[in-house]
Amino acid sequence: MYIVDGIAYAGEQRESVKVQGVRPLGGYRLWLRFSTGEAKVFDFTPLLSEPAFLPLQDPDVFRNVYIDYGATVWNDGGIDIAPEYLYRNAVAVQEKIAG
């Protein structure tokens, strides 16, 4: 059990994962470096039909991804995705991926 701001939580407190590096790849994929030190690739294609992510169907918009407070964002922060979701659903990579 742990307490944050006077609220008790069950289990052990874990530090939240954050994105520390991001690079857009072809095929609507993102290369990501996480605060855990791991590098992973996330395929965004299945999410592109979701209303919140429709603007990312434009390759120019997708390529303009950046990091804000540990999360990947687009359109001046108008579109974002939780780093925890990316971490859970991305595939680990072993080698560097050329830009």
N, C-alpha and C. Protein backbone atom coordinates (compact mmCIF):
# COMPACT_ATOMS: atom_id res chain seq x y z
N MET A 1 0.84 -1.17 0.00
CA MET A 1 0.00 0.00 0.00
C MET A 1 0.90 1.24 0.00
N TYR A 2 0.41 2.28 -0.67
CA TYR A 2 1.13 3.56 -0.66
C TYR A 2 0.11 4.69 -0.65
N ILE A 3 0.57 5.86 -0.25
CA ILE A 3 -0.32 7.01 -0.10
C ILE A 3 0.24 8.17 -0.94
N VAL A 4 -0.64 8.76 -1.73
CA VAL A 4 -0.30 9.93 -2.53
C VAL A 4 -1.37 10.97 -2.29
N ASP A 5 -0.96 12.15 -1.87
CA ASP A 5 -1.89 13.25 -1.61
C ASP A 5 -3.03 12.84 -0.68
N GLY A 6 -2.72 12.03 0.33
CA GLY A 6 -3.70 11.63 1.31
C GLY A 6 -4.62 10.51 0.87
N ILE A 7 -4.38 9.93 -0.30
CA ILE A 7 -5.20 8.83 -0.81
C ILE A 7 -4.38 7.56 -0.75
N ALA A 8 -4.95 6.49 -0.16
CA ALA A 8 -4.28 5.21 -0.05
C ALA A 8 -4.58 4.35 -1.27
N TYR A 9 -3.54 3.73 -1.83
CA TYR A 9 -3.67 2.87 -2.99
C TYR A 9 -3.15 1.48 -2.65
N ALA A 10 -3.78 0.44 -3.20
CA ALA A 10 -3.32 -0.92 -2.99
C ALA A 10 -2.13 -1.21 -3.90
N GLY A 11 -1.34 -2.18 -3.53
CA GLY A 11 -0.20 -2.58 -4.36
C GLY A 11 1.02 -1.72 -4.10
N GLU A 12 1.99 -1.86 -5.00
CA GLU A 12 3.22 -1.09 -4.89
C GLU A 12 3.19 0.08 -5.86
N GLN A 13 3.75 1.18 -5.44
CA GLN A 13 3.80 2.35 -6.29
C GLN A 13 4.84 2.15 -7.37
N ARG A 14 4.44 2.40 -8.60
CA ARG A 14 5.36 2.30 -9.73
C ARG A 14 5.51 3.67 -10.35
N GLU A 15 6.72 3.94 -10.79
CA GLU A 15 6.94 5.20 -11.49
C GLU A 15 6.31 5.08 -12.88
N SER A 16 5.61 6.11 -13.30
CA SER A 16 4.95 6.06 -14.59
C SER A 16 5.98 6.09 -15.71
N VAL A 17 5.68 5.37 -16.77
CA VAL A 17 6.57 5.32 -17.92
C VAL A 17 6.34 6.59 -18.75
N LYS A 18 7.42 7.12 -19.30
CA LYS A 18 7.34 8.32 -20.14
C LYS A 18 8.10 8.08 -21.43
N VAL A 19 7.67 8.79 -22.45
CA VAL A 19 8.38 8.75 -23.73
C VAL A 19 9.51 9.78 -23.65
N GLN A 20 10.71 9.33 -23.97
CA GLN A 20 11.87 10.24 -23.95
C GLN A 20 12.41 10.51 -25.34
N GLY A 21 12.01 9.71 -26.31
CA GLY A 21 12.42 9.92 -27.69
C GLY A 21 11.36 9.38 -28.62
N VAL A 22 11.14 10.08 -29.72
CA VAL A 22 10.16 9.61 -30.71
C VAL A 22 10.66 9.98 -32.10
N ARG A 23 10.41 9.06 -33.03
CA ARG A 23 10.77 9.29 -34.43
C ARG A 23 9.70 8.65 -35.29
N PRO A 24 9.07 9.42 -36.19
CA PRO A 24 8.09 8.82 -37.09
C PRO A 24 8.79 7.95 -38.12
N LEU A 25 8.20 6.80 -38.40
CA LEU A 25 8.70 5.88 -39.42
C LEU A 25 7.65 5.74 -40.51
N GLY A 26 8.01 5.11 -41.59
CA GLY A 26 7.04 4.84 -42.65
C GLY A 26 5.94 3.91 -42.17
N GLY A 27 4.84 3.92 -42.88
CA GLY A 27 3.74 3.01 -42.55
C GLY A 27 3.03 3.36 -41.25
N TYR A 28 3.03 4.64 -40.88
CA TYR A 28 2.35 5.11 -39.66
C TYR A 28 2.85 4.39 -38.41
N ARG A 29 4.15 4.22 -38.34
CA ARG A 29 4.77 3.63 -37.16
C ARG A 29 5.60 4.69 -36.44
N LEU A 30 5.76 4.49 -35.14
CA LEU A 30 6.59 5.37 -34.33
C LEU A 30 7.69 4.56 -33.66
N TRP A 31 8.91 5.04 -33.77
CA TRP A 31 10.01 4.50 -32.96
C TRP A 31 9.98 5.30 -31.67
N LEU A 32 10.02 4.60 -30.53
CA LEU A 32 9.89 5.25 -29.23
C LEU A 32 11.01 4.80 -28.29
N ARG A 33 11.55 5.74 -27.54
CA ARG A 33 12.48 5.42 -26.44
C ARG A 33 11.75 5.81 -25.16
N PHE A 34 11.63 4.85 -24.23
CA PHE A 34 10.90 5.07 -22.99
C PHE A 34 11.84 5.34 -21.82
N SER A 35 11.29 5.87 -20.76
CA SER A 35 12.06 6.19 -19.55
C SER A 35 12.66 4.93 -18.92
N THR A 36 12.20 3.76 -19.33
CA THR A 36 12.77 2.49 -18.85
C THR A 36 14.08 2.17 -19.56
N GLY A 37 14.40 2.94 -20.61
CA GLY A 37 15.58 2.68 -21.42
C GLY A 37 15.29 1.81 -22.63
N GLU A 38 14.08 1.29 -22.73
CA GLU A 38 13.72 0.41 -23.83
C GLU A 38 13.33 1.20 -25.08
N ALA A 39 13.65 0.62 -26.23
CA ALA A 39 13.22 1.17 -27.52
C ALA A 39 12.17 0.22 -28.09
N LYS A 40 11.07 0.79 -28.59
CA LYS A 40 9.98 -0.01 -29.15
C LYS A 40 9.43 0.69 -30.38
N VAL A 41 8.72 -0.09 -31.19
CA VAL A 41 8.03 0.45 -32.36
C VAL A 41 6.55 0.20 -32.19
N PHE A 42 5.77 1.26 -32.40
CA PHE A 42 4.31 1.19 -32.28
C PHE A 42 3.69 1.44 -33.64
N ASP A 43 2.81 0.53 -34.06
CA ASP A 43 2.09 0.67 -35.32
C ASP A 43 0.77 1.40 -35.05
N PHE A 44 0.66 2.60 -35.56
CA PHE A 44 -0.51 3.44 -35.31
C PHE A 44 -1.67 3.12 -36.24
N THR A 45 -1.45 2.32 -37.29
CA THR A 45 -2.46 2.06 -38.31
C THR A 45 -3.83 1.67 -37.75
N PRO A 46 -3.92 0.73 -36.78
CA PRO A 46 -5.25 0.35 -36.29
C PRO A 46 -6.03 1.48 -35.62
N LEU A 47 -5.35 2.51 -35.16
CA LEU A 47 -6.03 3.61 -34.47
C LEU A 47 -6.45 4.75 -35.38
N LEU A 48 -5.98 4.74 -36.62
CA LEU A 48 -6.22 5.87 -37.52
C LEU A 48 -7.69 6.08 -37.87
N SER A 49 -8.53 5.08 -37.68
CA SER A 49 -9.96 5.25 -37.98
C SER A 49 -10.74 5.76 -36.77
N GLU A 50 -10.09 5.87 -35.62
CA GLU A 50 -10.74 6.43 -34.43
C GLU A 50 -10.90 7.93 -34.62
N PRO A 51 -12.05 8.50 -34.24
CA PRO A 51 -12.29 9.94 -34.46
C PRO A 51 -11.19 10.85 -33.91
N ALA A 52 -10.65 10.55 -32.76
CA ALA A 52 -9.63 11.41 -32.17
C ALA A 52 -8.34 11.45 -32.98
N PHE A 53 -8.10 10.39 -33.76
CA PHE A 53 -6.84 10.29 -34.50
C PHE A 53 -6.99 10.48 -36.00
N LEU A 54 -8.17 10.82 -36.49
CA LEU A 54 -8.38 11.00 -37.93
C LEU A 54 -7.39 11.97 -38.57
N PRO A 55 -7.04 13.10 -37.93
CA PRO A 55 -6.07 14.01 -38.56
C PRO A 55 -4.71 13.37 -38.83
N LEU A 56 -4.39 12.30 -38.12
CA LEU A 56 -3.08 11.66 -38.30
C LEU A 56 -3.02 10.83 -39.57
N GLN A 57 -4.15 10.67 -40.27
CA GLN A 57 -4.13 9.99 -41.56
C GLN A 57 -3.33 10.79 -42.58
N ASP A 58 -3.21 12.09 -42.37
CA ASP A 58 -2.38 12.94 -43.22
C ASP A 58 -0.92 12.68 -42.84
N PRO A 59 -0.11 12.14 -43.75
CA PRO A 59 1.28 11.81 -43.41
C PRO A 59 2.07 13.00 -42.88
N ASP A 60 1.79 14.20 -43.38
CA ASP A 60 2.51 15.38 -42.90
C ASP A 60 2.19 15.67 -41.43
N VAL A 61 0.94 15.51 -41.06
CA VAL A 61 0.55 15.70 -39.66
C VAL A 61 1.20 14.62 -38.80
N PHE A 62 1.14 13.37 -39.24
CA PHE A 62 1.71 12.26 -38.47
C PHE A 62 3.20 12.48 -38.22
N ARG A 63 3.91 12.95 -39.24
CA ARG A 63 5.36 13.16 -39.11
C ARG A 63 5.72 14.27 -38.13
N ASN A 64 4.77 15.12 -37.79
CA ASN A 64 5.06 16.24 -36.87
C ASN A 64 4.84 15.88 -35.41
N VAL A 65 5.05 14.63 -35.06
CA VAL A 65 4.93 14.17 -33.68
C VAL A 65 6.06 14.77 -32.84
N TYR A 66 5.77 15.06 -31.59
CA TYR A 66 6.80 15.52 -30.66
C TYR A 66 6.41 15.10 -29.25
N ILE A 67 7.30 15.34 -28.31
CA ILE A 67 7.08 14.93 -26.92
C ILE A 67 6.75 16.16 -26.09
N ASP A 68 5.72 16.03 -25.26
CA ASP A 68 5.35 17.08 -24.32
C ASP A 68 5.06 16.41 -22.98
N TYR A 69 5.87 16.72 -21.99
CA TYR A 69 5.70 16.14 -20.64
C TYR A 69 5.64 14.62 -20.67
N GLY A 70 6.48 13.99 -21.48
CA GLY A 70 6.58 12.54 -21.50
C GLY A 70 5.56 11.83 -22.35
N ALA A 71 4.73 12.57 -23.07
CA ALA A 71 3.71 11.96 -23.94
C ALA A 71 3.95 12.39 -25.38
N THR A 72 3.57 11.54 -26.33
CA THR A 72 3.65 11.91 -27.74
C THR A 72 2.42 12.73 -28.10
N VAL A 73 2.64 13.83 -28.81
CA VAL A 73 1.55 14.74 -29.16
C VAL A 73 1.70 15.24 -30.59
N TRP A 74 0.59 15.72 -31.12
CA TRP A 74 0.53 16.33 -32.45
C TRP A 74 -0.37 17.55 -32.36
N ASN A 75 -0.35 18.37 -33.40
CA ASN A 75 -1.25 19.53 -33.53
C ASN A 75 -1.25 20.41 -32.28
N ASP A 76 -0.07 20.85 -31.88
CA ASP A 76 0.07 21.75 -30.72
C ASP A 76 -0.61 21.18 -29.47
N GLY A 77 -0.53 19.88 -29.29
CA GLY A 77 -1.11 19.25 -28.11
C GLY A 77 -2.56 18.86 -28.26
N GLY A 78 -3.16 19.12 -29.41
CA GLY A 78 -4.57 18.78 -29.62
C GLY A 78 -4.82 17.29 -29.74
N ILE A 79 -3.78 16.53 -30.07
CA ILE A 79 -3.88 15.08 -30.18
C ILE A 79 -2.76 14.49 -29.35
N ASP A 80 -3.08 13.53 -28.51
CA ASP A 80 -2.04 12.83 -27.75
C ASP A 80 -2.46 11.39 -27.50
N ILE A 81 -1.51 10.61 -27.02
CA ILE A 81 -1.79 9.22 -26.67
C ILE A 81 -0.97 8.89 -25.44
N ALA A 82 -1.56 8.15 -24.52
CA ALA A 82 -0.91 7.85 -23.25
C ALA A 82 0.37 7.03 -23.47
N PRO A 83 1.45 7.43 -22.82
CA PRO A 83 2.69 6.67 -22.95
C PRO A 83 2.55 5.24 -22.45
N GLU A 84 1.70 5.02 -21.46
CA GLU A 84 1.49 3.66 -20.94
C GLU A 84 0.86 2.76 -22.02
N TYR A 85 -0.06 3.32 -22.80
CA TYR A 85 -0.69 2.56 -23.88
C TYR A 85 0.36 2.20 -24.94
N LEU A 86 1.18 3.17 -25.31
CA LEU A 86 2.23 2.91 -26.29
C LEU A 86 3.18 1.84 -25.78
N TYR A 87 3.58 1.95 -24.53
CA TYR A 87 4.53 1.00 -23.95
C TYR A 87 3.97 -0.43 -23.97
N ARG A 88 2.71 -0.58 -23.56
CA ARG A 88 2.08 -1.90 -23.51
C ARG A 88 1.87 -2.52 -24.89
N ASN A 89 1.64 -1.69 -25.90
CA ASN A 89 1.24 -2.19 -27.21
C ASN A 89 2.31 -2.09 -28.30
N ALA A 90 3.46 -1.58 -27.96
CA ALA A 90 4.56 -1.49 -28.93
C ALA A 90 5.41 -2.75 -28.87
N VAL A 91 6.17 -2.96 -29.92
CA VAL A 91 7.04 -4.13 -30.05
C VAL A 91 8.48 -3.70 -29.79
N ALA A 92 9.17 -4.45 -28.94
CA ALA A 92 10.56 -4.13 -28.61
C ALA A 92 11.45 -4.27 -29.85
N VAL A 93 12.44 -3.39 -29.93
CA VAL A 93 13.43 -3.46 -31.00
C VAL A 93 14.82 -3.62 -30.38
N GLN A 94 15.68 -4.28 -31.10
CA GLN A 94 17.03 -4.53 -30.59
C GLN A 94 18.07 -3.61 -31.23
N GLU A 95 17.82 -3.21 -32.46
CA GLU A 95 18.82 -2.41 -33.16
C GLU A 95 18.25 -1.04 -33.50
N LYS A 96 19.16 -0.14 -33.87
CA LYS A 96 18.74 1.19 -34.28
C LYS A 96 18.01 1.10 -35.61
N ILE A 97 17.03 1.96 -35.77
CA ILE A 97 16.27 2.04 -37.03
C ILE A 97 16.67 3.34 -37.70
N ALA A 98 17.14 3.26 -38.93
CA ALA A 98 17.56 4.45 -39.66
C ALA A 98 16.38 5.36 -39.91
N GLY A 99 16.63 6.69 -39.83
CA GLY A 99 15.59 7.70 -40.00
C GLY A 99 14.98 7.70 -41.33
